[in-house]
Amino acid sequence: MKTHDPDPAEKAIEAVSEMGKLDGGNEALLALIAELPVGGGAIGSLLAGRWQRRMAERAAEALGEMNKRLHQVGNDKIDRQFFETDEFQTLFTLMLEQVQTTHDKEKLKMLGVGLANATTSDFSAEHRKELFFRVLRDLAPEHISVLKHLRPDKHYRSMGVRSRTIDGPGGEVSVLLQHLAASGIVVETLEVKSMPNANFSHPGAYYEIKRYLETPPLRSYRLSQFGIQFLEFLDTENSENTKIATSE
């Protein structure tokens, strides 16, 4: 009799379900949730089963993207032995962890594509696969939106344009870019205006120099080499992968 081997999506759903199960010692927790003035019913529902279903749906969505990319790449580029390695197990576990903390469709796509790319010959020499997954873990949907803006479209990338530049951002975008710079994904540069040729004998020279010194430098941001390779590894565009360098 022919047996049916569960596909990766079924395995993921089973794994996520096991991760979310409550044991018999959580009656006190459930009692505390029931006493909440608002939201207790929703939280209790999540812990009782809705949470597991949602996590399973997210995992299945990420694995669906993985499946699409593997079919796109083709069998001749897939390293089947990589699926049996500790490295793949680590990446798969990181994916399962991240589906618990994000509902963002684009991030779920990136997780699936990254997991697929990790198994291909195009990225066999890439030693930062786990690092890419861990960096992605700390990015909110707003970070990803900024990165998509910085990355040129396929046409311009084919012409050698690797990054757009954002000059003088303010507000939330500035905070997001500074966080991305701290992660090494973008590079921040400061442009200081040239010193004015002031006539110091002129009464207004003092104010001109003062205004110059009080003017902050212009901040500009662009993708770093690491950021470019990070996005290539997690590329969700429907285009053929390109092999990337592994050094700055």
Foldseek 3Di string as FASTA:
>chain_A
DDDDDDDPLVVLLVVLLVVLADDPPCPVVLVVLVPDPPDSVVVNVCSVPVVSVQLSVLSNLLQVLLVVLDVLQDPVFFQPVVCVDPVLVLLSVLLSVLSSPDPDNLLSNLSSLLSNLCGGNLCVVAPCSVVLSVLSSPDDPVLVVVLVQFADDPVVVVVVDGTDKDKQDDDPVVVSQVVCVVSVQKPKDWAQDDQDPADVVDPCRVVSNVVSVPDGTMIMMHTDLVNSVSCLSSPSDPDHRHRDDRDD
